[in-house]
N, C-alpha and C. Protein backbone atom coordinates (compact mmCIF):
# COMPACT_ATOMS: atom_id res chain seq x y z
N MET A 1 0.84 -1.17 0.00
CA MET A 1 0.00 0.00 0.00
C MET A 1 0.89 1.24 0.00
N ALA A 2 0.59 2.20 -0.86
CA ALA A 2 1.40 3.41 -1.01
C ALA A 2 0.95 4.48 -0.03
N THR A 3 1.90 5.23 0.51
CA THR A 3 1.60 6.38 1.37
C THR A 3 1.66 7.63 0.51
N PHE A 4 0.80 8.59 0.84
CA PHE A 4 0.74 9.82 0.06
C PHE A 4 1.00 11.02 0.95
N LEU A 5 1.55 12.05 0.35
CA LEU A 5 1.88 13.27 1.04
C LEU A 5 1.08 14.40 0.39
N LEU A 6 0.45 15.23 1.19
CA LEU A 6 -0.33 16.34 0.66
C LEU A 6 0.54 17.59 0.60
N LEU A 7 0.62 18.20 -0.58
CA LEU A 7 1.39 19.42 -0.76
C LEU A 7 0.49 20.50 -1.35
N PRO A 8 0.63 21.78 -0.92
CA PRO A 8 -0.18 22.84 -1.52
C PRO A 8 0.26 23.09 -2.96
N THR A 9 -0.67 23.43 -3.81
CA THR A 9 -0.36 23.63 -5.23
C THR A 9 -0.10 25.08 -5.57
N GLY A 10 -0.45 26.03 -4.75
CA GLY A 10 -0.21 27.43 -5.03
C GLY A 10 -1.30 28.05 -5.90
N GLN A 11 -2.45 27.40 -5.99
CA GLN A 11 -3.53 27.96 -6.80
C GLN A 11 -4.26 29.02 -5.97
N SER A 12 -5.26 29.65 -6.59
CA SER A 12 -5.97 30.73 -5.91
C SER A 12 -6.73 30.24 -4.68
N CYS A 13 -7.24 29.06 -4.73
CA CYS A 13 -7.95 28.52 -3.58
C CYS A 13 -6.93 27.89 -2.63
N ARG A 14 -6.89 28.34 -1.41
CA ARG A 14 -5.87 27.90 -0.46
C ARG A 14 -6.12 26.48 0.04
N HIS A 15 -7.32 25.97 -0.13
CA HIS A 15 -7.65 24.67 0.45
C HIS A 15 -7.42 23.52 -0.52
N THR A 16 -7.00 23.80 -1.74
CA THR A 16 -6.77 22.69 -2.67
C THR A 16 -5.36 22.16 -2.49
N ALA A 17 -5.21 20.91 -2.67
CA ALA A 17 -3.91 20.26 -2.54
C ALA A 17 -3.82 19.14 -3.55
N ARG A 18 -2.60 18.78 -3.91
CA ARG A 18 -2.45 17.65 -4.81
C ARG A 18 -1.79 16.51 -4.04
N ILE A 19 -2.00 15.35 -4.53
CA ILE A 19 -1.49 14.16 -3.84
C ILE A 19 -0.29 13.63 -4.62
N ILE A 20 0.83 13.47 -3.90
CA ILE A 20 2.06 12.94 -4.49
C ILE A 20 2.50 11.76 -3.64
N PRO A 21 2.87 10.67 -4.28
CA PRO A 21 3.35 9.54 -3.50
C PRO A 21 4.60 9.93 -2.70
N ARG A 22 4.61 9.56 -1.43
CA ARG A 22 5.71 9.92 -0.53
C ARG A 22 7.04 9.31 -1.01
N LYS A 23 6.99 8.14 -1.55
CA LYS A 23 8.19 7.46 -2.02
C LYS A 23 8.88 8.27 -3.13
N ALA A 24 8.12 8.87 -4.02
CA ALA A 24 8.69 9.65 -5.12
C ALA A 24 9.40 10.89 -4.61
N VAL A 25 8.84 11.53 -3.59
CA VAL A 25 9.44 12.75 -3.05
C VAL A 25 10.76 12.45 -2.38
N PHE A 26 10.81 11.43 -1.54
CA PHE A 26 12.02 11.14 -0.79
C PHE A 26 13.09 10.43 -1.61
N THR A 27 12.70 9.74 -2.66
CA THR A 27 13.69 9.09 -3.51
C THR A 27 14.59 10.12 -4.17
N ARG A 28 14.01 11.19 -4.65
CA ARG A 28 14.79 12.22 -5.32
C ARG A 28 15.74 12.91 -4.34
N VAL A 29 15.27 13.21 -3.15
CA VAL A 29 16.12 13.86 -2.16
C VAL A 29 17.28 12.95 -1.79
N ASN A 30 16.99 11.67 -1.56
CA ASN A 30 18.05 10.74 -1.17
C ASN A 30 19.07 10.55 -2.29
N SER A 31 18.61 10.49 -3.54
CA SER A 31 19.56 10.30 -4.64
C SER A 31 20.46 11.53 -4.80
N THR A 32 19.92 12.72 -4.55
CA THR A 32 20.73 13.93 -4.66
C THR A 32 21.80 13.95 -3.58
N VAL A 33 21.46 13.54 -2.40
CA VAL A 33 22.43 13.53 -1.30
C VAL A 33 23.53 12.51 -1.59
N SER A 34 23.18 11.33 -2.07
CA SER A 34 24.19 10.32 -2.32
C SER A 34 25.11 10.73 -3.48
N GLU A 35 24.58 11.42 -4.50
CA GLU A 35 25.43 11.90 -5.59
C GLU A 35 26.41 12.95 -5.09
N ALA A 36 25.96 13.82 -4.20
CA ALA A 36 26.86 14.84 -3.65
C ALA A 36 27.95 14.20 -2.81
N ALA A 37 27.60 13.14 -2.09
CA ALA A 37 28.60 12.46 -1.27
C ALA A 37 29.62 11.73 -2.15
N LYS A 38 29.15 11.18 -3.28
CA LYS A 38 30.06 10.48 -4.18
C LYS A 38 31.01 11.44 -4.89
N GLN A 39 30.58 12.65 -5.13
CA GLN A 39 31.37 13.59 -5.91
C GLN A 39 32.35 14.36 -5.03
N GLN A 40 33.20 13.63 -4.37
CA GLN A 40 34.21 14.22 -3.51
C GLN A 40 35.55 13.58 -3.88
N LEU A 41 36.54 14.40 -4.14
CA LEU A 41 37.87 13.92 -4.50
C LEU A 41 38.82 14.31 -3.38
N SER A 42 39.42 13.31 -2.75
CA SER A 42 40.31 13.61 -1.63
C SER A 42 41.62 14.21 -2.15
N TRP A 43 42.35 14.88 -1.25
CA TRP A 43 43.60 15.52 -1.65
C TRP A 43 44.66 14.51 -2.11
N PRO A 44 44.84 13.39 -1.43
CA PRO A 44 45.83 12.42 -1.95
C PRO A 44 45.46 11.89 -3.33
N GLU A 45 44.14 11.64 -3.56
CA GLU A 45 43.71 11.19 -4.88
C GLU A 45 43.99 12.27 -5.93
N TYR A 46 43.66 13.51 -5.59
CA TYR A 46 43.88 14.62 -6.53
C TYR A 46 45.36 14.77 -6.87
N LEU A 47 46.22 14.71 -5.86
CA LEU A 47 47.64 14.87 -6.12
C LEU A 47 48.20 13.71 -6.93
N ALA A 48 47.67 12.50 -6.72
CA ALA A 48 48.09 11.35 -7.52
C ALA A 48 47.64 11.53 -8.98
N ILE A 49 46.42 12.01 -9.17
CA ILE A 49 45.92 12.27 -10.52
C ILE A 49 46.75 13.35 -11.19
N ARG A 50 47.12 14.36 -10.44
CA ARG A 50 47.94 15.46 -10.97
C ARG A 50 49.31 14.94 -11.42
N GLY A 51 49.86 14.01 -10.65
CA GLY A 51 51.13 13.40 -11.03
C GLY A 51 51.00 12.56 -12.29
N GLN A 52 49.88 11.83 -12.42
CA GLN A 52 49.64 11.04 -13.63
C GLN A 52 49.53 11.95 -14.85
N LYS A 53 48.87 13.08 -14.67
CA LYS A 53 48.72 14.02 -15.79
C LYS A 53 50.09 14.53 -16.23
N ARG A 54 50.95 14.84 -15.28
CA ARG A 54 52.29 15.33 -15.61
C ARG A 54 53.10 14.24 -16.32
N LYS A 55 52.90 12.97 -15.92
CA LYS A 55 53.60 11.87 -16.59
C LYS A 55 53.12 11.72 -18.03
N TRP A 56 51.82 11.89 -18.26
CA TRP A 56 51.28 11.84 -19.62
C TRP A 56 51.90 12.95 -20.47
N GLU A 57 51.98 14.14 -19.90
CA GLU A 57 52.55 15.26 -20.65
C GLU A 57 54.00 14.99 -21.02
N THR A 58 54.76 14.44 -20.09
CA THR A 58 56.16 14.13 -20.36
C THR A 58 56.27 12.99 -21.37
N ALA A 59 55.41 11.99 -21.24
CA ALA A 59 55.45 10.85 -22.15
C ALA A 59 55.13 11.26 -23.58
N VAL A 60 54.31 12.26 -23.77
CA VAL A 60 54.00 12.72 -25.13
C VAL A 60 55.04 13.74 -25.61
N THR A 61 55.66 14.46 -24.70
CA THR A 61 56.65 15.47 -25.10
C THR A 61 57.86 14.83 -25.77
N ILE A 62 58.33 13.72 -25.27
CA ILE A 62 59.53 13.09 -25.83
C ILE A 62 59.32 12.65 -27.28
N PRO A 63 58.24 11.89 -27.60
CA PRO A 63 58.04 11.53 -29.01
C PRO A 63 57.70 12.74 -29.89
N ALA A 64 57.03 13.74 -29.33
CA ALA A 64 56.71 14.93 -30.13
C ALA A 64 57.98 15.69 -30.49
N THR A 65 58.93 15.75 -29.58
CA THR A 65 60.21 16.40 -29.86
C THR A 65 60.97 15.63 -30.95
N ILE A 66 61.00 14.32 -30.82
CA ILE A 66 61.68 13.50 -31.82
C ILE A 66 60.98 13.61 -33.17
N ALA A 67 59.64 13.59 -33.16
CA ALA A 67 58.89 13.72 -34.41
C ALA A 67 59.13 15.08 -35.06
N GLY A 68 59.20 16.13 -34.26
CA GLY A 68 59.50 17.45 -34.81
C GLY A 68 60.87 17.50 -35.46
N PHE A 69 61.85 16.90 -34.80
CA PHE A 69 63.20 16.87 -35.37
C PHE A 69 63.25 16.07 -36.66
N VAL A 70 62.64 14.88 -36.65
CA VAL A 70 62.67 14.01 -37.83
C VAL A 70 61.92 14.65 -38.99
N SER A 71 60.75 15.22 -38.71
CA SER A 71 59.99 15.85 -39.80
C SER A 71 60.72 17.08 -40.35
N GLY A 72 61.33 17.86 -39.48
CA GLY A 72 62.11 19.01 -39.94
C GLY A 72 63.31 18.58 -40.76
N ALA A 73 64.02 17.55 -40.30
CA ALA A 73 65.18 17.05 -41.04
C ALA A 73 64.75 16.47 -42.38
N TRP A 74 63.63 15.77 -42.40
CA TRP A 74 63.14 15.19 -43.65
C TRP A 74 62.76 16.29 -44.64
N TYR A 75 62.00 17.28 -44.18
CA TYR A 75 61.55 18.34 -45.09
C TYR A 75 62.71 19.22 -45.55
N PHE A 76 63.48 19.76 -44.62
CA PHE A 76 64.54 20.68 -45.00
C PHE A 76 65.72 19.96 -45.64
N GLY A 77 65.86 18.67 -45.38
CA GLY A 77 66.90 17.89 -46.05
C GLY A 77 66.55 17.59 -47.49
N SER A 78 65.26 17.59 -47.81
CA SER A 78 64.84 17.28 -49.18
C SER A 78 64.82 18.51 -50.08
N LEU A 79 64.97 19.70 -49.53
CA LEU A 79 64.97 20.92 -50.34
C LEU A 79 66.29 21.06 -51.10
N HIS A 80 66.18 21.66 -52.26
CA HIS A 80 67.37 21.90 -53.07
C HIS A 80 68.14 23.08 -52.49
N MET A 81 69.44 22.90 -52.28
CA MET A 81 70.27 23.97 -51.73
C MET A 81 71.25 24.45 -52.80
N ASP A 82 71.33 25.75 -52.90
CA ASP A 82 72.33 26.36 -53.77
C ASP A 82 73.25 27.18 -52.88
N ALA A 83 74.47 26.76 -52.75
CA ALA A 83 75.41 27.39 -51.82
C ALA A 83 75.75 28.82 -52.22
N THR A 84 75.49 29.18 -53.48
CA THR A 84 75.81 30.55 -53.92
C THR A 84 74.72 31.54 -53.57
N LYS A 85 73.52 31.06 -53.21
CA LYS A 85 72.41 31.96 -52.87
C LYS A 85 72.14 31.89 -51.37
N PRO A 86 72.53 32.90 -50.63
CA PRO A 86 72.26 32.89 -49.19
C PRO A 86 70.77 33.13 -48.88
N ILE A 87 70.33 32.56 -47.79
CA ILE A 87 68.95 32.74 -47.32
C ILE A 87 69.02 33.59 -46.07
N LEU A 88 68.42 34.77 -46.12
CA LEU A 88 68.46 35.74 -45.02
C LEU A 88 69.90 36.02 -44.58
N GLY A 89 70.79 36.04 -45.54
CA GLY A 89 72.18 36.34 -45.25
C GLY A 89 72.97 35.18 -44.69
N LEU A 90 72.37 34.01 -44.62
CA LEU A 90 73.05 32.82 -44.08
C LEU A 90 73.23 31.78 -45.18
N GLU A 91 74.20 30.94 -44.98
CA GLU A 91 74.40 29.82 -45.89
C GLU A 91 73.19 28.88 -45.76
N PRO A 92 72.68 28.31 -46.86
CA PRO A 92 71.47 27.48 -46.79
C PRO A 92 71.58 26.31 -45.80
N LEU A 93 72.73 25.68 -45.70
CA LEU A 93 72.89 24.57 -44.76
C LEU A 93 72.67 25.02 -43.32
N ILE A 94 73.21 26.16 -42.96
CA ILE A 94 73.04 26.69 -41.60
C ILE A 94 71.58 27.09 -41.37
N PHE A 95 70.97 27.74 -42.37
CA PHE A 95 69.58 28.17 -42.23
C PHE A 95 68.65 26.97 -42.08
N TYR A 96 68.81 25.95 -42.93
CA TYR A 96 67.95 24.77 -42.86
C TYR A 96 68.19 23.97 -41.58
N SER A 97 69.42 23.96 -41.10
CA SER A 97 69.70 23.31 -39.82
C SER A 97 68.98 24.03 -38.68
N GLY A 98 69.00 25.35 -38.73
CA GLY A 98 68.27 26.15 -37.72
C GLY A 98 66.78 25.90 -37.79
N CYS A 99 66.25 25.77 -39.00
CA CYS A 99 64.81 25.48 -39.15
C CYS A 99 64.47 24.09 -38.62
N THR A 100 65.37 23.13 -38.80
CA THR A 100 65.16 21.78 -38.27
C THR A 100 65.12 21.81 -36.74
N VAL A 101 66.03 22.55 -36.14
CA VAL A 101 66.04 22.69 -34.68
C VAL A 101 64.78 23.42 -34.21
N ALA A 102 64.31 24.40 -34.99
CA ALA A 102 63.07 25.10 -34.65
C ALA A 102 61.87 24.14 -34.69
N CYS A 103 61.86 23.22 -35.66
CA CYS A 103 60.78 22.21 -35.70
C CYS A 103 60.84 21.30 -34.48
N MET A 104 62.04 20.96 -34.06
CA MET A 104 62.20 20.16 -32.84
C MET A 104 61.68 20.93 -31.63
N GLY A 105 61.98 22.22 -31.57
CA GLY A 105 61.48 23.06 -30.48
C GLY A 105 59.96 23.15 -30.47
N MET A 106 59.36 23.22 -31.65
CA MET A 106 57.89 23.25 -31.72
C MET A 106 57.30 21.94 -31.20
N GLY A 107 57.94 20.82 -31.54
CA GLY A 107 57.49 19.54 -31.00
C GLY A 107 57.59 19.50 -29.49
N TYR A 108 58.66 20.09 -28.96
CA TYR A 108 58.86 20.15 -27.51
C TYR A 108 57.79 21.02 -26.85
N LEU A 109 57.41 22.11 -27.49
CA LEU A 109 56.40 23.00 -26.92
C LEU A 109 54.98 22.44 -27.06
N LEU A 110 54.72 21.74 -28.15
CA LEU A 110 53.37 21.19 -28.37
C LEU A 110 53.14 19.88 -27.63
N GLY A 111 54.20 19.18 -27.25
CA GLY A 111 54.06 17.89 -26.57
C GLY A 111 53.23 17.93 -25.31
N PRO A 112 53.52 18.83 -24.34
CA PRO A 112 52.70 18.87 -23.13
C PRO A 112 51.24 19.23 -23.40
N THR A 113 51.00 20.09 -24.37
CA THR A 113 49.63 20.47 -24.70
C THR A 113 48.86 19.28 -25.26
N VAL A 114 49.49 18.55 -26.17
CA VAL A 114 48.85 17.36 -26.74
C VAL A 114 48.67 16.29 -25.67
N GLY A 115 49.67 16.11 -24.82
CA GLY A 115 49.57 15.12 -23.74
C GLY A 115 48.44 15.45 -22.77
N ALA A 116 48.30 16.73 -22.42
CA ALA A 116 47.22 17.14 -21.51
C ALA A 116 45.86 16.94 -22.18
N ALA A 117 45.77 17.21 -23.48
CA ALA A 117 44.50 17.02 -24.19
C ALA A 117 44.14 15.54 -24.25
N CYS A 118 45.11 14.68 -24.51
CA CYS A 118 44.85 13.23 -24.52
C CYS A 118 44.44 12.75 -23.14
N TRP A 119 45.11 13.26 -22.11
CA TRP A 119 44.77 12.88 -20.75
C TRP A 119 43.35 13.31 -20.41
N ARG A 120 42.97 14.52 -20.80
CA ARG A 120 41.62 15.01 -20.53
C ARG A 120 40.57 14.17 -21.25
N LEU A 121 40.88 13.70 -22.46
CA LEU A 121 39.94 12.85 -23.19
C LEU A 121 39.73 11.51 -22.50
N THR A 122 40.76 10.98 -21.88
CA THR A 122 40.63 9.69 -21.22
C THR A 122 40.03 9.80 -19.82
N HIS A 123 39.97 10.99 -19.24
CA HIS A 123 39.44 11.18 -17.89
C HIS A 123 38.24 12.13 -17.89
N ARG A 124 37.38 12.00 -18.89
CA ARG A 124 36.24 12.92 -19.01
C ARG A 124 35.25 12.80 -17.87
N ARG A 125 35.10 11.63 -17.31
CA ARG A 125 34.08 11.42 -16.27
C ARG A 125 34.38 12.20 -14.99
N THR A 126 35.63 12.38 -14.67
CA THR A 126 35.99 13.04 -13.42
C THR A 126 36.53 14.45 -13.62
N MET A 127 36.39 15.00 -14.81
CA MET A 127 36.99 16.32 -15.08
C MET A 127 36.39 17.43 -14.22
N LYS A 128 35.10 17.37 -13.93
CA LYS A 128 34.51 18.42 -13.09
C LYS A 128 35.13 18.42 -11.69
N LEU A 129 35.32 17.23 -11.14
CA LEU A 129 35.93 17.13 -9.81
C LEU A 129 37.38 17.59 -9.84
N ILE A 130 38.10 17.19 -10.87
CA ILE A 130 39.51 17.56 -10.98
C ILE A 130 39.65 19.06 -11.18
N ASP A 131 38.81 19.65 -12.03
CA ASP A 131 38.87 21.10 -12.25
C ASP A 131 38.54 21.87 -10.98
N ALA A 132 37.57 21.37 -10.21
CA ALA A 132 37.24 22.03 -8.94
C ALA A 132 38.43 21.97 -7.98
N ARG A 133 39.08 20.81 -7.89
CA ARG A 133 40.25 20.69 -7.03
C ARG A 133 41.42 21.53 -7.56
N ASP A 134 41.55 21.63 -8.88
CA ASP A 134 42.59 22.48 -9.46
C ASP A 134 42.43 23.93 -9.03
N ARG A 135 41.18 24.42 -9.08
CA ARG A 135 40.93 25.80 -8.67
C ARG A 135 41.24 25.99 -7.18
N GLU A 136 40.80 25.04 -6.36
CA GLU A 136 41.05 25.13 -4.93
C GLU A 136 42.55 25.04 -4.62
N PHE A 137 43.26 24.16 -5.31
CA PHE A 137 44.70 24.01 -5.12
C PHE A 137 45.42 25.30 -5.52
N HIS A 138 45.01 25.87 -6.65
CA HIS A 138 45.64 27.12 -7.10
C HIS A 138 45.41 28.25 -6.10
N LYS A 139 44.20 28.32 -5.53
CA LYS A 139 43.93 29.35 -4.52
C LYS A 139 44.84 29.17 -3.30
N ARG A 140 45.05 27.92 -2.89
CA ARG A 140 45.93 27.66 -1.74
C ARG A 140 47.38 28.04 -2.06
N ILE A 141 47.81 27.74 -3.27
CA ILE A 141 49.18 28.08 -3.67
C ILE A 141 49.36 29.59 -3.68
N VAL A 142 48.40 30.30 -4.29
CA VAL A 142 48.51 31.76 -4.37
C VAL A 142 48.48 32.38 -2.98
N LYS A 143 47.64 31.83 -2.10
CA LYS A 143 47.52 32.38 -0.75
C LYS A 143 48.80 32.17 0.07
N ASN A 144 49.46 31.04 -0.11
CA ASN A 144 50.58 30.68 0.76
C ASN A 144 51.96 30.95 0.17
N ARG A 145 52.05 31.32 -1.09
CA ARG A 145 53.38 31.54 -1.64
C ARG A 145 53.92 32.91 -1.26
N VAL A 146 55.22 33.03 -1.30
CA VAL A 146 55.88 34.26 -0.86
C VAL A 146 55.93 35.29 -1.98
N ASP A 147 56.23 36.52 -1.60
CA ASP A 147 56.35 37.61 -2.56
C ASP A 147 57.69 37.46 -3.29
N PRO A 148 57.67 37.35 -4.61
CA PRO A 148 58.92 37.10 -5.34
C PRO A 148 59.78 38.35 -5.54
N THR A 149 59.31 39.51 -5.11
CA THR A 149 60.10 40.73 -5.34
C THR A 149 61.37 40.76 -4.49
N ALA A 150 61.42 39.98 -3.43
CA ALA A 150 62.59 39.98 -2.56
C ALA A 150 63.64 38.95 -2.97
N GLN A 151 63.42 38.25 -4.09
CA GLN A 151 64.37 37.22 -4.47
C GLN A 151 65.65 37.83 -5.04
N SER A 152 66.71 37.07 -4.94
CA SER A 152 68.00 37.47 -5.50
C SER A 152 68.67 36.23 -6.07
N ALA A 153 69.84 36.42 -6.63
CA ALA A 153 70.56 35.28 -7.20
C ALA A 153 70.99 34.29 -6.12
N THR A 154 71.26 34.80 -4.94
CA THR A 154 71.67 33.91 -3.84
C THR A 154 70.49 33.38 -3.04
N ASN A 155 69.31 33.97 -3.22
CA ASN A 155 68.13 33.57 -2.46
C ASN A 155 66.92 33.49 -3.40
N PRO A 156 66.86 32.44 -4.27
CA PRO A 156 65.73 32.33 -5.20
C PRO A 156 64.46 31.84 -4.50
N VAL A 157 63.31 32.14 -5.10
CA VAL A 157 62.02 31.70 -4.56
C VAL A 157 61.91 30.18 -4.74
N PRO A 158 61.55 29.44 -3.68
CA PRO A 158 61.42 27.98 -3.81
C PRO A 158 60.08 27.58 -4.43
N ASP A 159 60.11 26.99 -5.62
CA ASP A 159 58.93 26.42 -6.30
C ASP A 159 57.72 27.36 -6.23
N PHE A 160 57.79 28.47 -6.90
CA PHE A 160 56.78 29.53 -6.82
C PHE A 160 55.39 29.04 -7.21
N TYR A 161 55.28 28.17 -8.22
CA TYR A 161 53.98 27.71 -8.71
C TYR A 161 53.53 26.39 -8.09
N GLY A 162 54.33 25.79 -7.25
CA GLY A 162 53.95 24.53 -6.61
C GLY A 162 53.93 23.36 -7.58
N GLU A 163 54.79 23.39 -8.59
CA GLU A 163 54.79 22.34 -9.61
C GLU A 163 55.34 21.02 -9.10
N LYS A 164 56.18 21.06 -8.09
CA LYS A 164 56.82 19.84 -7.60
C LYS A 164 55.99 19.12 -6.55
N ILE A 165 54.82 19.64 -6.22
CA ILE A 165 53.99 19.04 -5.18
C ILE A 165 53.28 17.82 -5.76
N GLY A 166 53.54 16.65 -5.15
CA GLY A 166 52.92 15.42 -5.62
C GLY A 166 52.26 14.62 -4.52
N SER A 167 52.38 15.08 -3.28
CA SER A 167 51.74 14.39 -2.16
C SER A 167 51.51 15.40 -1.04
N LEU A 168 50.77 14.97 -0.03
CA LEU A 168 50.52 15.86 1.11
C LEU A 168 51.81 16.17 1.85
N HIS A 169 52.70 15.19 1.93
CA HIS A 169 54.00 15.43 2.58
C HIS A 169 54.78 16.51 1.82
N GLN A 170 54.77 16.43 0.50
CA GLN A 170 55.48 17.44 -0.30
C GLN A 170 54.80 18.80 -0.19
N TYR A 171 53.47 18.82 -0.04
CA TYR A 171 52.77 20.09 0.14
C TYR A 171 53.17 20.73 1.47
N ARG A 172 53.22 19.92 2.52
CA ARG A 172 53.64 20.46 3.82
C ARG A 172 55.09 20.96 3.77
N GLN A 173 55.93 20.22 3.06
CA GLN A 173 57.32 20.66 2.89
C GLN A 173 57.38 21.96 2.11
N TRP A 174 56.52 22.10 1.10
CA TRP A 174 56.45 23.34 0.32
C TRP A 174 56.05 24.50 1.22
N LEU A 175 55.06 24.28 2.11
CA LEU A 175 54.66 25.33 3.05
C LEU A 175 55.81 25.71 3.97
N ARG A 176 56.56 24.72 4.46
CA ARG A 176 57.71 25.02 5.32
C ARG A 176 58.78 25.81 4.56
N ASP A 177 59.01 25.43 3.30
CA ASP A 177 60.01 26.15 2.50
C ASP A 177 59.59 27.59 2.25
N GLN A 178 58.28 27.80 2.03
CA GLN A 178 57.79 29.16 1.81
C GLN A 178 57.96 29.99 3.09
N ALA A 179 57.65 29.40 4.24
CA ALA A 179 57.80 30.12 5.51
C ALA A 179 59.27 30.42 5.79
N LYS A 180 60.14 29.47 5.49
CA LYS A 180 61.58 29.67 5.70
C LYS A 180 62.09 30.80 4.80
N TYR A 181 61.64 30.83 3.56
CA TYR A 181 62.06 31.89 2.64
C TYR A 181 61.55 33.25 3.12
N LYS A 182 60.30 33.26 3.62
CA LYS A 182 59.73 34.52 4.11
C LYS A 182 60.53 35.05 5.30
N ARG A 183 60.87 34.16 6.23
CA ARG A 183 61.69 34.59 7.38
C ARG A 183 63.05 35.09 6.93
N LYS A 184 63.63 34.39 5.99
CA LYS A 184 64.96 34.75 5.50
C LYS A 184 64.95 36.10 4.78
N SER A 185 63.91 36.37 4.01
CA SER A 185 63.86 37.62 3.25
C SER A 185 63.46 38.81 4.11
N GLU A 186 62.74 38.57 5.21
CA GLU A 186 62.31 39.67 6.07
C GLU A 186 63.39 40.09 7.06
N LEU A 187 64.26 39.18 7.41
CA LEU A 187 65.34 39.51 8.36
C LEU A 187 66.39 40.36 7.65
N PRO A 188 66.87 41.40 8.32
CA PRO A 188 67.93 42.21 7.70
C PRO A 188 69.24 41.43 7.65
N GLU A 189 69.94 41.58 6.53
CA GLU A 189 71.23 40.89 6.40
C GLU A 189 72.28 41.62 7.22
N GLU A 190 73.14 40.87 7.84
CA GLU A 190 74.17 41.45 8.70
C GLU A 190 75.51 41.47 8.02
């Protein structure tokens, strides 16, 4: 036997009500609560995921750099060179070698971007949670990092962007390093 709950409908007559099964009302509330509880990413999980993303970026950067070099060498090596005609005031061999190295540099620069895009494609289900943790992590880094205007050649800022943080232990160490740098930069040198 079903139980029913009476709810006001908001019509002009105050005494009218509609009947809704109680089970339908509470099922929706309970499912919303359980989804909110499931959508929580702990800090150790987030930092592990962040490390995996960095590994993907590095793993794609190496072949992209090699592919850039090989494609540049293949293309510029196949061009006809006339040693009597300089290109931009340089000998063609030197110019084409520079262009090959530039292609390798482009592969090096595009590698992390392509790696991050591939990683995002494979982790689409959790991207909202990861992006939320990314924003929160960035806020914590910005709040706790030191002012870089006091840095010098002998006293550089330790990991300003928090790129080396891969665990809670490393995060705590990063906080200690920031505090140590702050104390060191605020004290007058003797």
